[in-house]
């Protein structure tokens, strides 16, 4: 298709051509021509947020839950700078996102004009790629390239910065046919010799493990199915990063739970003791590896990743495989079947017996109290009430996030949306908005903390305006829980500014926004309160008052190896003593 149109028309037409039907944004002077075009069409629905950070996180939630790119639209200056946090968040968690920002007219650039900033310069470190459009002739190509770059290879965010005069200028629009970036052509097929070497190594393994990450989910639903298939073939145990939850079903007997700083005892010890580690779409983040020199000391490592820069970046791989997870797993399955591998039954039995012994520690156990709700108890009750429904979970960041990751069991990919790499407080509420927009008939719950949720609470107004019945399930302990836990570990329990002394009445706040507020304080009321929350077909703020000083366990203290795990089932005295001495001076710098 070729047609003469304005730059603003080109933006809307490109969105339509790329299958975008939902757009999250906030208007301003530098994007008014685009907003005028949005007004005159019906194919793209615009969701008006209350802050540009909300637009970015909503786009992330939409993208994460659908596999399609999320799109946000912001104005110049503060509009663009407010989008920096979600852009960085999306970059670190590999979320496909296209951010279109307005810019002052080209002749004003560099003159400190009203609401001008160097958007391309500011966002260069926190995007996969960005463009400043200087000519109307370049705009169609750049828009199409933006979607290509955001969604191919390792997904990520991109920014297209469009000056106002370019939006008003007229030019010829060309549709997205055979769009290929001249220099960016990521490799999707893995090297067959490397895959064959990996299969040979896996066939000789006595203590193997699959270490999976968000790359499995980003690759698409086929990758998750292929992961299931290769686990069935090999019989290997499986663990996952925070971002990879749902890629492998939590109900499967080979599932060990999440690993890392707050991962399960069995997952961490299996990683520490394995002799062959198959890393599939994970990047050996510091929350996972702990002490590098003590990480999986006896393991031969196979690392599959579409991003070559992630391989050998932190941990040296014995067999690196650059390629898309789905393509590599497909080849791996084919070669495994062709080799007709017969596993060492004796070694396999011994490995699973060892894992069963570790599982026997029941590392996620906790004590209940008759007078107060334990945070783990609240997550359990929420899971019991919702796991058989069409449910999507988002989270904020902190203790509640870790408890949700530990205790909420996911069977399918794209059901778990959280901020992993950047750890963005305030992510969960706007992300829930984006998920609900994508899945209007599904149950969408943000598991939140009382401190985190206040960072983007204004997006409740977005939910009300657009009839999005999101449920905000707040584990309210009146503290910045994870900050308090670290202050207890690192700073002699000097709780410097981690107590939130002036929390709002969340029920009244909900009512002020025009949604429903619920509050539960006693264990006996928890089940009924959750059911009421689910039954209400409107946005809900659910204030769940939980024990104030509960710590999140298991925990690998900073600077310690995977086999140095603090457990939470000890007596209060032992727990306090263990906590006080958990992290040494070297580890303190790594928190």
Protein backbone atom coordinates (compact mmCIF):
# COMPACT_ATOMS: atom_id res chain seq x y z
CA UNK A 1 0.00 0.00 0.00
CA UNK A 2 1.22 3.48 -0.95
CA UNK A 3 -0.73 6.59 -0.04
CA UNK A 4 -0.05 10.23 0.68
CA UNK A 5 -0.79 11.19 4.29
CA UNK A 6 0.49 13.25 7.21
CA UNK A 7 3.06 11.93 9.65
CA UNK A 8 0.37 11.61 12.34
CA UNK A 9 -1.77 9.54 9.95
CA UNK A 10 1.28 7.37 9.21
CA UNK A 11 1.70 6.59 12.91
CA UNK A 12 -1.90 5.41 13.27
CA UNK A 13 -1.81 3.50 9.97
CA UNK A 14 1.43 1.74 10.98
CA UNK A 15 -0.17 0.67 14.27
CA UNK A 16 -3.11 -0.78 12.36
CA UNK A 17 -0.83 -2.51 9.83
CA UNK A 18 1.11 -4.16 12.66
CA UNK A 19 -2.04 -5.48 14.30
CA UNK A 20 -2.04 -3.04 17.22
CA UNK A 21 -5.55 -2.66 18.61
CA UNK A 22 -4.67 -1.27 22.07
CA UNK A 23 -2.58 1.82 22.76
CA UNK A 24 -1.67 3.18 26.20
CA UNK A 25 -0.92 6.86 26.42
CA UNK A 26 -1.23 10.37 27.78
CA UNK A 27 -1.70 13.42 25.53
CA UNK A 28 0.45 16.53 25.42
CA UNK A 29 1.31 19.37 23.10
CA UNK A 30 3.95 17.50 21.10
CA UNK A 31 1.62 14.59 20.20
CA UNK A 32 -1.65 16.42 19.60
CA UNK A 33 -1.63 15.73 15.83
CA UNK A 34 -1.40 11.98 16.57
CA UNK A 35 -4.19 12.25 19.13
CA UNK A 36 -6.31 14.05 16.55
CA UNK A 37 -5.89 11.11 14.19
CA UNK A 38 -6.71 8.65 16.99
CA UNK A 39 -9.95 10.58 17.53
CA UNK A 40 -10.95 10.08 13.90
CA UNK A 41 -10.65 6.29 13.75
CA UNK A 42 -12.01 3.24 15.57
CA UNK A 43 -9.51 0.44 14.87
CA UNK A 44 -7.02 1.34 17.63
CA UNK A 45 -8.44 1.72 21.13
CA UNK A 46 -6.60 4.28 23.25
CA UNK A 47 -6.37 3.64 27.00
CA UNK A 48 -5.89 6.90 28.89
CA UNK A 49 -3.53 6.35 31.83
CA UNK A 50 -2.80 8.80 34.64
CA UNK A 51 1.00 8.85 34.35
CA UNK A 52 3.38 7.93 31.55
CA UNK A 53 5.06 5.36 33.78
CA UNK A 54 1.63 3.71 33.97
CA UNK A 55 1.41 3.71 30.16
CA UNK A 56 4.74 1.89 29.88
CA UNK A 57 3.98 -0.72 32.54
CA UNK A 58 0.50 -1.29 31.10
CA UNK A 59 2.12 -1.88 27.70
CA UNK A 60 4.50 -4.33 29.39
CA UNK A 61 1.62 -6.21 31.02
CA UNK A 62 -0.20 -6.35 27.69
CA UNK A 63 2.93 -7.64 25.94
CA UNK A 64 3.86 -10.18 28.59
CA UNK A 65 0.38 -11.69 28.71
CA UNK A 66 -0.18 -11.83 24.94
CA UNK A 67 3.26 -12.28 23.36
CA UNK A 68 2.47 -9.25 21.15
CA UNK A 69 4.31 -5.92 21.39
CA UNK A 70 2.90 -3.40 23.84
CA UNK A 71 2.62 0.15 22.52
CA UNK A 72 2.60 3.42 24.43
CA UNK A 73 2.35 7.04 23.31
CA UNK A 74 3.87 9.91 25.31
CA UNK A 75 4.53 13.57 24.79
CA UNK A 76 7.92 15.30 24.73
CA UNK A 77 10.01 16.33 27.72
CA UNK A 78 8.52 15.02 30.99
CA UNK A 79 6.29 12.60 29.08
CA UNK A 80 9.36 10.89 27.64
CA UNK A 81 11.38 11.03 30.86
CA UNK A 82 8.48 9.50 32.81
CA UNK A 83 8.64 6.57 30.40
CA UNK A 84 12.29 5.84 31.21
CA UNK A 85 11.47 3.49 34.11
CA UNK A 86 9.17 1.16 32.12
CA UNK A 87 11.58 1.27 29.17
CA UNK A 88 14.45 0.13 31.42
CA UNK A 89 12.18 -2.44 33.03
CA UNK A 90 11.25 -3.84 29.61
CA UNK A 91 14.89 -3.89 28.52
CA UNK A 92 16.03 -5.88 31.53
CA UNK A 93 13.14 -8.35 31.30
CA UNK A 94 13.18 -8.60 27.48
CA UNK A 95 9.63 -7.34 26.91
CA UNK A 96 8.70 -6.20 23.37
CA UNK A 97 7.52 -2.59 23.58
CA UNK A 98 7.22 0.27 21.11
CA UNK A 99 7.19 3.73 22.67
CA UNK A 100 6.23 6.60 20.38
CA UNK A 101 7.20 9.96 21.82
CA UNK A 102 6.48 13.43 20.58
CA UNK A 103 9.28 15.95 20.16
CA UNK A 104 9.44 19.70 19.63
CA UNK A 105 9.60 20.87 16.01
CA UNK A 106 12.91 20.10 14.27
CA UNK A 107 13.95 23.76 14.06
CA UNK A 108 13.58 24.05 17.86
CA UNK A 109 15.66 20.98 18.75
CA UNK A 110 18.70 22.02 20.74
CA UNK A 111 17.22 25.40 21.72
CA UNK A 112 15.85 24.39 25.12
CA UNK A 113 12.32 24.80 23.83
CA UNK A 114 9.28 24.25 26.03
CA UNK A 115 9.05 20.57 27.03
CA UNK A 116 12.17 19.69 25.07
CA UNK A 117 14.65 17.05 26.14
CA UNK A 118 17.14 14.83 24.37
CA UNK A 119 14.84 11.79 24.30
CA UNK A 120 17.10 9.75 22.05
CA UNK A 121 20.12 10.50 24.24
CA UNK A 122 18.26 9.79 27.48
CA UNK A 123 16.74 6.53 26.25
CA UNK A 124 19.75 5.16 24.37
CA UNK A 125 21.00 3.15 27.40
CA UNK A 126 17.54 1.82 28.27
CA UNK A 127 16.23 0.72 24.88
CA UNK A 128 17.14 -1.90 22.36
CA UNK A 129 17.24 0.83 19.73
CA UNK A 130 15.80 4.30 19.20
CA UNK A 131 15.22 6.75 16.38
CA UNK A 132 14.78 10.52 16.01
CA UNK A 133 12.76 11.06 12.84
CA UNK A 134 14.20 14.01 10.89
CA UNK A 135 12.42 13.57 7.55
CA UNK A 136 8.86 12.61 6.70
CA UNK A 137 10.27 10.30 4.02
CA UNK A 138 11.93 8.18 6.71
CA UNK A 139 8.94 7.86 9.03
CA UNK A 140 7.19 4.79 7.50
CA UNK A 141 10.43 2.79 7.34
CA UNK A 142 11.37 3.71 10.92
CA UNK A 143 7.93 2.79 12.29
CA UNK A 144 8.09 -0.63 10.63
CA UNK A 145 11.69 -1.17 11.74
CA UNK A 146 10.67 -0.32 15.30
CA UNK A 147 8.21 -3.22 15.43
CA UNK A 148 10.75 -5.51 13.77
CA UNK A 149 13.53 -4.68 16.26
CA UNK A 150 11.22 -4.84 19.30
CA UNK A 151 9.91 -8.31 18.46
CA UNK A 152 12.79 -10.20 16.83
CA UNK A 153 15.78 -11.80 18.50
CA UNK A 154 15.83 -11.02 22.19
CA UNK A 155 12.70 -8.85 22.53
CA UNK A 156 12.95 -5.40 24.05
CA UNK A 157 11.74 -1.80 24.03
CA UNK A 158 12.32 0.74 21.28
CA UNK A 159 11.59 4.47 21.06
CA UNK A 160 10.51 6.44 17.99
CA UNK A 161 10.86 10.18 18.68
CA UNK A 162 8.78 12.22 16.22
CA UNK A 163 9.05 16.03 16.05
CA UNK A 164 5.75 17.87 15.80
CA UNK A 165 6.45 19.32 12.35
CA UNK A 166 7.10 15.80 11.03
CA UNK A 167 3.69 14.74 12.39
CA UNK A 168 2.08 17.57 10.39
CA UNK A 169 4.17 17.15 7.21
CA UNK A 170 2.80 15.15 4.28
CA UNK A 171 4.56 12.26 2.59
CA UNK A 172 4.06 8.87 1.00
CA UNK A 173 3.23 5.99 3.32
CA UNK A 174 4.41 2.50 2.39
CA UNK A 175 3.08 -0.54 4.24
CA UNK A 176 5.24 -3.09 6.15
CA UNK A 177 6.24 -5.49 3.40
CA UNK A 178 9.39 -7.56 3.85
CA UNK A 179 10.74 -5.31 6.58
CA UNK A 180 14.25 -6.39 7.48
CA UNK A 181 16.68 -4.20 9.36
CA UNK A 182 19.87 -3.78 7.37
CA UNK A 183 22.17 -4.66 10.25
CA UNK A 184 19.97 -6.46 12.77
CA UNK A 185 19.27 -10.02 11.70
CA UNK A 186 19.38 -12.23 14.81
CA UNK A 187 20.27 -15.87 14.49
CA UNK A 188 17.37 -18.21 15.30
CA UNK A 189 18.76 -21.61 14.30
CA UNK A 190 21.41 -23.01 16.63
CA UNK A 191 24.66 -24.58 15.43
CA UNK A 192 23.90 -28.26 14.88
CA UNK A 193 27.37 -29.42 15.95
CA UNK A 194 26.99 -27.56 19.25
CA UNK A 195 23.51 -29.00 19.77
CA UNK A 196 24.85 -32.48 19.03
CA UNK A 197 27.66 -31.97 21.55
CA UNK A 198 25.06 -30.82 24.09
CA UNK A 199 22.96 -33.94 23.53
CA UNK A 200 26.05 -36.16 23.93
CA UNK A 201 26.89 -34.42 27.21
CA UNK A 202 23.30 -34.69 28.46
CA UNK A 203 23.31 -38.42 27.67
CA UNK A 204 26.23 -38.97 30.04
CA UNK A 205 24.83 -36.85 32.88
CA UNK A 206 24.42 -38.40 36.31
CA UNK A 207 23.05 -35.33 38.13
CA UNK A 208 21.44 -33.21 35.40
CA UNK A 209 19.13 -30.19 35.65
CA UNK A 210 17.26 -27.85 33.31
CA UNK A 211 17.69 -24.22 34.35
CA UNK A 212 15.00 -22.24 32.52
CA UNK A 213 14.25 -18.54 32.24
CA UNK A 214 12.08 -15.89 30.64
CA UNK A 215 13.57 -16.66 27.24
CA UNK A 216 11.40 -19.78 27.05
CA UNK A 217 8.26 -17.66 27.45
CA UNK A 218 9.51 -14.92 25.12
CA UNK A 219 10.14 -17.50 22.41
CA UNK A 220 6.41 -18.28 22.31
CA UNK A 221 4.05 -21.08 23.39
CA UNK A 222 5.78 -23.64 21.19
CA UNK A 223 8.98 -23.29 23.25
CA UNK A 224 7.09 -24.13 26.45
CA UNK A 225 5.58 -27.20 24.79
CA UNK A 226 9.00 -28.32 23.54
CA UNK A 227 10.43 -27.87 27.04
CA UNK A 228 7.76 -30.21 28.35
CA UNK A 229 8.61 -32.70 25.62
CA UNK A 230 12.35 -32.75 26.25
CA UNK A 231 11.81 -33.13 30.01
CA UNK A 232 9.55 -36.10 29.29
CA UNK A 233 12.26 -37.62 27.07
CA UNK A 234 15.19 -37.02 29.41
CA UNK A 235 13.53 -37.23 32.83
CA UNK A 236 15.68 -34.31 34.05
CA UNK A 237 14.52 -32.11 36.94
CA UNK A 238 13.52 -28.53 36.08
CA UNK A 239 13.94 -25.23 37.87
CA UNK A 240 13.31 -21.67 36.75
CA UNK A 241 14.12 -18.06 37.35
CA UNK A 242 11.50 -15.59 38.53
CA UNK A 243 10.82 -14.58 34.92
CA UNK A 244 10.43 -18.14 33.66
CA UNK A 245 7.60 -19.26 35.95
CA UNK A 246 4.84 -20.98 34.00
CA UNK A 247 7.07 -22.16 31.16
CA UNK A 248 6.97 -25.58 32.86
CA UNK A 249 3.93 -26.73 34.87
CA UNK A 250 4.33 -26.43 38.63
CA UNK A 251 2.24 -29.58 39.15
CA UNK A 252 4.75 -31.74 37.24
CA UNK A 253 6.78 -34.16 39.40
CA UNK A 254 10.03 -32.95 37.78
CA UNK A 255 9.42 -29.36 38.89
CA UNK A 256 11.69 -28.21 41.72
CA UNK A 257 10.31 -24.69 42.09
CA UNK A 258 12.03 -21.38 41.57
CA UNK A 259 15.72 -21.05 42.32
CA UNK A 260 17.85 -18.16 43.48
CA UNK A 261 18.00 -15.90 46.51
CA UNK A 262 14.46 -16.81 47.63
CA UNK A 263 14.18 -20.04 45.69
CA UNK A 264 13.43 -23.46 47.11
CA UNK A 265 15.91 -25.54 49.06
CA UNK A 266 15.70 -28.40 46.55
CA UNK A 267 16.15 -26.19 43.47
CA UNK A 268 19.19 -24.41 44.85
CA UNK A 269 20.91 -27.54 46.12
CA UNK A 270 20.20 -29.36 42.85
CA UNK A 271 21.80 -26.45 40.96
CA UNK A 272 24.77 -26.52 43.31
CA UNK A 273 25.24 -30.28 43.03
CA UNK A 274 24.47 -30.92 39.36
CA UNK A 275 27.06 -32.26 36.93
CA UNK A 276 25.29 -31.09 33.73
CA UNK A 277 23.30 -27.86 33.64
CA UNK A 278 21.17 -27.06 30.61
CA UNK A 279 20.45 -23.35 30.76
CA UNK A 280 17.51 -22.50 28.50
CA UNK A 281 16.78 -18.82 27.96
CA UNK A 282 18.20 -17.53 31.26
CA UNK A 283 21.07 -15.11 31.85
CA UNK A 284 22.74 -16.13 35.15
CA UNK A 285 21.53 -13.05 37.00
CA UNK A 286 23.21 -12.24 40.34
CA UNK A 287 19.99 -13.14 42.25
CA UNK A 288 20.45 -16.63 40.81
CA UNK A 289 24.17 -17.24 40.87
CA UNK A 290 25.14 -15.84 44.28
CA UNK A 291 28.91 -16.33 44.56
CA UNK A 292 30.20 -16.91 41.04
CA UNK A 293 33.29 -18.81 42.20
CA UNK A 294 31.08 -21.23 44.14
CA UNK A 295 28.26 -21.52 41.58
CA UNK A 296 27.61 -25.12 40.45
CA UNK A 297 31.26 -26.04 41.02
CA UNK A 298 31.06 -29.52 39.43
CA UNK A 299 28.78 -28.66 36.49
CA UNK A 300 29.36 -28.69 32.77
CA UNK A 301 27.18 -25.88 31.45
CA UNK A 302 25.15 -25.80 28.23
CA UNK A 303 23.79 -22.29 27.61
CA UNK A 304 21.04 -21.68 25.02
CA UNK A 305 20.25 -18.02 24.34
CA UNK A 306 19.23 -15.94 21.35
CA UNK A 307 21.35 -13.05 22.63
CA UNK A 308 25.05 -13.82 22.07
CA UNK A 309 26.05 -11.07 24.52
CA UNK A 310 24.39 -13.02 27.37
CA UNK A 311 26.57 -16.09 26.80
CA UNK A 312 29.82 -16.16 28.80
CA UNK A 313 28.92 -12.76 30.24
CA UNK A 314 28.68 -13.94 33.84
CA UNK A 315 29.28 -17.71 33.86
CA UNK A 316 31.51 -19.50 31.37
CA UNK A 317 29.56 -21.96 29.22
CA UNK A 318 31.14 -25.24 28.18
CA UNK A 319 28.76 -25.53 25.22
CA UNK A 320 27.32 -22.19 24.06
CA UNK A 321 24.37 -22.33 21.65
CA UNK A 322 23.17 -19.09 20.07
CA UNK A 323 19.63 -19.40 18.78
CA UNK A 324 15.93 -19.18 19.51
CA UNK A 325 14.87 -21.50 22.31
CA UNK A 326 12.10 -23.18 20.29
CA UNK A 327 14.36 -23.90 17.30
CA UNK A 328 17.19 -25.22 19.48
CA UNK A 329 14.93 -27.43 21.61
CA UNK A 330 13.32 -28.81 18.45
CA UNK A 331 16.73 -29.84 17.11
CA UNK A 332 17.79 -31.15 20.52
CA UNK A 333 14.68 -33.37 20.75
CA UNK A 334 15.25 -34.69 17.24
CA UNK A 335 18.89 -35.55 17.94
CA UNK A 336 18.06 -37.09 21.34
CA UNK A 337 15.50 -39.38 19.71
CA UNK A 338 17.89 -40.26 16.88
CA UNK A 339 20.62 -41.17 19.36
CA UNK A 340 18.17 -43.46 21.22
CA UNK A 341 19.76 -42.46 24.53
CA UNK A 342 19.46 -44.99 27.34
CA UNK A 343 19.85 -43.16 30.65
CA UNK A 344 21.88 -44.56 33.54
CA UNK A 345 18.97 -45.82 35.65
CA UNK A 346 21.12 -46.28 38.75
CA UNK A 347 22.47 -42.73 38.60
CA UNK A 348 19.02 -41.33 37.79
CA UNK A 349 17.51 -43.13 40.79
CA UNK A 350 20.24 -41.88 43.14
CA UNK A 351 19.79 -38.27 41.90
CA UNK A 352 16.04 -38.31 42.41
CA UNK A 353 16.44 -39.89 45.84
CA UNK A 354 18.75 -37.04 46.78
CA UNK A 355 16.24 -34.49 45.45
CA UNK A 356 13.46 -36.21 47.41
CA UNK A 357 15.55 -35.85 50.57
CA UNK A 358 15.95 -32.10 49.92
CA UNK A 359 12.23 -31.78 49.18
CA UNK A 360 11.58 -33.44 52.52
CA UNK A 361 12.81 -30.28 54.25
CA UNK A 362 9.53 -28.62 53.17
CA UNK A 363 11.34 -25.33 52.84
CA UNK A 364 8.23 -23.22 52.24
CA UNK A 365 6.57 -24.31 55.48
CA UNK A 366 5.44 -21.58 57.84
CA UNK A 367 3.67 -21.27 61.18
CA UNK A 368 0.11 -19.97 61.28
CA UNK A 369 -1.28 -17.87 64.12
CA UNK A 370 -4.89 -17.71 65.32
CA UNK A 371 -4.94 -13.95 65.73
CA UNK A 372 -3.17 -12.67 62.62
CA UNK A 373 -2.93 -13.58 58.94
CA UNK A 374 0.49 -14.77 57.83
CA UNK A 375 1.48 -13.41 54.40
CA UNK A 376 2.16 -16.92 53.06
CA UNK A 377 -1.26 -17.95 54.32
CA UNK A 378 -2.86 -15.11 52.34
CA UNK A 379 -1.10 -16.22 49.13
CA UNK A 380 -2.16 -19.83 49.76
CA UNK A 381 -5.76 -18.80 50.25
CA UNK A 382 -5.68 -16.66 47.09
CA UNK A 383 -4.23 -19.57 45.09
CA UNK A 384 -6.80 -22.03 46.42
CA UNK A 385 -9.62 -19.67 45.44
CA UNK A 386 -8.36 -18.86 41.93
CA UNK A 387 -6.13 -21.62 40.51
CA UNK A 388 -9.03 -23.28 38.68
CA UNK A 389 -10.04 -20.00 37.03
CA UNK A 390 -8.76 -18.14 33.99
CA UNK A 391 -6.38 -16.09 36.13
CA UNK A 392 -3.45 -13.77 35.40
CA UNK A 393 -1.16 -12.59 38.19
CA UNK A 394 0.91 -9.42 38.32
CA UNK A 395 2.99 -8.26 41.28
CA UNK A 396 4.70 -5.25 42.67
CA UNK A 397 8.24 -5.72 44.06
CA UNK A 398 9.28 -6.88 47.51
CA UNK A 399 8.48 -9.66 49.96
CA UNK A 400 4.98 -10.18 48.57
CA UNK A 401 6.51 -10.73 45.12
CA UNK A 402 8.76 -13.50 46.44
CA UNK A 403 5.98 -15.17 48.41
CA UNK A 404 3.79 -15.10 45.30
CA UNK A 405 6.59 -16.63 43.21
CA UNK A 406 7.16 -19.35 45.80
CA UNK A 407 3.56 -20.28 46.51
CA UNK A 408 1.40 -19.45 43.49
CA UNK A 409 1.72 -22.39 41.12
CA UNK A 410 1.62 -21.65 37.40
CA UNK A 411 0.78 -24.28 34.82
CA UNK A 412 1.03 -22.20 31.65
CA UNK A 413 3.25 -19.40 30.29
CA UNK A 414 2.17 -15.73 30.04
CA UNK A 415 0.15 -15.93 33.28
CA UNK A 416 2.80 -14.34 35.54
CA UNK A 417 3.82 -10.72 35.10
CA UNK A 418 6.45 -9.26 37.40
CA UNK A 419 9.42 -6.92 37.37
CA UNK A 420 12.49 -9.13 37.62
CA UNK A 421 15.64 -7.37 36.46
CA UNK A 422 14.89 -3.78 37.45
CA UNK A 423 12.72 -4.60 40.47
CA UNK A 424 10.27 -1.74 39.89
CA UNK A 425 7.98 -0.89 42.77
CA UNK A 426 4.69 0.24 41.24
CA UNK A 427 4.89 -2.16 38.29
CA UNK A 428 2.02 -4.45 39.20
CA UNK A 429 -1.02 -2.16 39.18
CA UNK A 430 -0.55 -0.62 35.72
CA UNK A 431 0.64 -4.01 34.42
CA UNK A 432 -2.68 -5.45 35.64
CA UNK A 433 -4.45 -2.72 33.67
CA UNK A 434 -2.58 -3.82 30.53
CA UNK A 435 -3.33 -7.49 31.15
CA UNK A 436 -7.03 -6.80 31.76
CA UNK A 437 -7.24 -4.76 28.55
CA UNK A 438 -5.76 -7.75 26.69
CA UNK A 439 -8.00 -10.29 28.47
CA UNK A 440 -11.25 -8.50 29.35
CA UNK A 441 -13.08 -11.66 30.50
CA UNK A 442 -10.25 -13.06 32.65
CA UNK A 443 -9.53 -12.65 36.36
CA UNK A 444 -6.53 -10.32 36.76
CA UNK A 445 -4.98 -9.96 40.21
CA UNK A 446 -2.11 -7.71 41.28
CA UNK A 447 -0.45 -9.19 44.37
CA UNK A 448 0.82 -5.99 45.96
CA UNK A 449 2.58 -4.56 48.97
CA UNK A 450 1.28 -1.56 50.89
CA UNK A 451 4.36 0.49 49.99
CA UNK A 452 4.71 -0.58 46.33
CA UNK A 453 1.09 -0.08 45.40
CA UNK A 454 1.17 3.59 46.38
CA UNK A 455 3.76 4.36 43.71
CA UNK A 456 1.24 4.03 40.87
CA UNK A 457 -2.07 3.99 42.76
CA UNK A 458 -3.44 6.69 40.44
CA UNK A 459 -3.95 4.02 37.77
CA UNK A 460 -7.01 2.84 39.72
CA UNK A 461 -8.64 5.79 38.01
CA UNK A 462 -7.68 4.27 34.64
CA UNK A 463 -9.24 0.97 35.66
CA UNK A 464 -12.48 2.70 36.69
CA UNK A 465 -12.71 4.81 33.53
CA UNK A 466 -12.20 1.83 31.23
CA UNK A 467 -14.32 -0.67 33.22
CA UNK A 468 -11.35 -2.92 33.98
CA UNK A 469 -12.24 -5.14 36.98
CA UNK A 470 -8.66 -5.63 38.23
CA UNK A 471 -8.16 -6.93 41.78
CA UNK A 472 -5.39 -5.35 43.84
CA UNK A 473 -4.58 -7.83 46.62
CA UNK A 474 -2.45 -5.89 49.11
CA UNK A 475 -0.36 -7.77 51.67
CA UNK A 476 -0.36 -4.92 54.14
CA UNK A 477 2.36 -5.28 56.79
CA UNK A 478 2.81 -1.50 57.22
CA UNK A 479 6.46 -1.79 56.25
CA UNK A 480 8.57 -1.69 53.15
CA UNK A 481 8.95 -5.37 53.91
CA UNK A 482 12.04 -6.31 51.93
CA UNK A 483 13.83 -3.11 52.92
CA UNK A 484 13.05 -3.87 56.56
CA UNK A 485 14.30 -7.45 56.15
CA UNK A 486 17.60 -6.23 54.69
CA UNK A 487 17.93 -3.61 57.43
CA UNK A 488 17.52 -6.42 59.93
CA UNK A 489 20.20 -8.47 58.19
CA UNK A 490 22.66 -5.72 57.36
CA UNK A 491 22.17 -2.82 59.71
CA UNK A 492 21.58 -4.16 63.21
CA UNK A 493 17.79 -3.94 62.88
CA UNK A 494 17.95 -0.15 62.63
CA UNK A 495 14.74 0.35 60.64
CA UNK A 496 15.59 3.62 58.95
CA UNK A 497 12.47 4.99 57.21
CA UNK A 498 11.09 1.58 56.27
CA UNK A 499 7.97 1.93 58.42
CA UNK A 500 5.09 3.59 56.62
CA UNK A 501 3.47 5.55 59.41
CA UNK A 502 0.78 7.31 57.39
CA UNK A 503 -0.77 4.68 55.16
CA UNK A 504 -4.10 5.61 53.63
CA UNK A 505 -7.30 3.85 54.50
CA UNK A 506 -7.34 1.64 51.40
CA UNK A 507 -11.09 1.04 51.64
CA UNK A 508 -11.85 4.76 51.64
CA UNK A 509 -9.24 5.33 48.94
CA UNK A 510 -10.94 2.72 46.76
CA UNK A 511 -14.28 4.39 47.28
CA UNK A 512 -12.77 7.77 46.42
CA UNK A 513 -11.64 6.33 43.07
CA UNK A 514 -15.10 4.86 42.47
CA UNK A 515 -14.15 1.25 42.96
CA UNK A 516 -14.65 -1.32 45.74
CA UNK A 517 -12.62 -1.45 48.95
CA UNK A 518 -12.42 -4.57 51.13
CA UNK A 519 -10.46 -5.15 54.33
CA UNK A 520 -9.62 -8.41 56.13
CA UNK A 521 -7.68 -8.65 59.41
CA UNK A 522 -8.45 -12.11 60.84
CA UNK A 523 -7.58 -15.54 59.40
CA UNK A 524 -11.19 -16.68 59.71
CA UNK A 525 -12.37 -13.90 57.41
CA UNK A 526 -9.75 -14.45 54.70
CA UNK A 527 -11.51 -17.05 52.55
CA UNK A 528 -14.82 -15.18 52.51
CA UNK A 529 -13.12 -11.85 51.76
CA UNK A 530 -11.23 -13.32 48.78
CA UNK A 531 -14.44 -14.83 47.42
CA UNK A 532 -16.20 -11.48 47.69
CA UNK A 533 -13.29 -9.83 45.87
CA UNK A 534 -13.55 -12.36 43.02
CA UNK A 535 -17.33 -12.01 42.75
CA UNK A 536 -17.26 -8.22 42.41
CA UNK A 537 -17.17 -7.26 38.72
CA UNK A 538 -15.49 -3.92 39.39
CA UNK A 539 -11.95 -2.82 40.29
CA UNK A 540 -11.16 -3.81 43.89
CA UNK A 541 -8.57 -2.70 46.46
CA UNK A 542 -8.27 -5.58 48.93
CA UNK A 543 -6.49 -4.56 52.15
CA UNK A 544 -5.22 -7.82 53.66
CA UNK A 545 -3.59 -7.04 57.02
CA UNK A 546 -0.76 -9.50 57.64
CA UNK A 547 1.88 -10.10 60.31
CA UNK A 548 4.19 -7.09 60.39
CA UNK A 549 7.64 -8.59 60.88
CA UNK A 550 7.56 -11.84 58.91
CA UNK A 551 10.71 -12.48 56.88
CA UNK A 552 10.85 -14.13 53.48
CA UNK A 553 12.56 -17.55 53.52
CA UNK A 554 14.31 -19.61 52.28
CA UNK A 555 17.05 -17.11 51.59
CA UNK A 556 20.56 -17.33 50.25
CA UNK A 557 22.35 -14.39 51.86
CA UNK A 558 24.23 -12.08 49.51
CA UNK A 559 27.74 -13.28 48.84
CA UNK A 560 26.98 -16.89 49.78
CA UNK A 561 26.88 -20.06 47.69
CA UNK A 562 23.71 -21.98 46.78
CA UNK A 563 24.28 -24.51 49.52
CA UNK A 564 24.37 -21.85 52.25
CA UNK A 565 20.64 -21.41 52.73
CA UNK A 566 18.77 -19.76 55.58
CA UNK A 567 15.55 -21.60 56.39
CA UNK A 568 12.51 -20.08 57.98
CA UNK A 569 11.08 -22.92 60.02
CA UNK A 570 13.37 -22.52 63.03
CA UNK A 571 12.28 -21.06 66.34
CA UNK A 572 12.10 -17.30 66.62
CA UNK A 573 15.29 -17.17 68.69
CA UNK A 574 17.30 -19.25 66.25
CA UNK A 575 15.87 -17.30 63.35
CA UNK A 576 16.86 -13.96 64.91
CA UNK A 577 20.39 -15.16 65.60
CA UNK A 578 20.77 -16.58 62.10
CA UNK A 579 19.54 -13.35 60.57
CA UNK A 580 21.87 -11.14 62.57
CA UNK A 581 24.90 -13.05 61.29
CA UNK A 582 23.63 -13.95 57.84
CA UNK A 583 25.52 -11.47 55.70
CA UNK A 584 29.16 -10.55 56.07
CA UNK A 585 30.80 -7.29 55.00
CA UNK A 586 31.59 -8.62 51.53
CA UNK A 587 28.02 -9.78 50.98
CA UNK A 588 26.60 -6.47 52.17
CA UNK A 589 27.96 -4.77 49.08
CA UNK A 590 26.06 -7.20 46.86
CA UNK A 591 22.54 -6.63 48.23
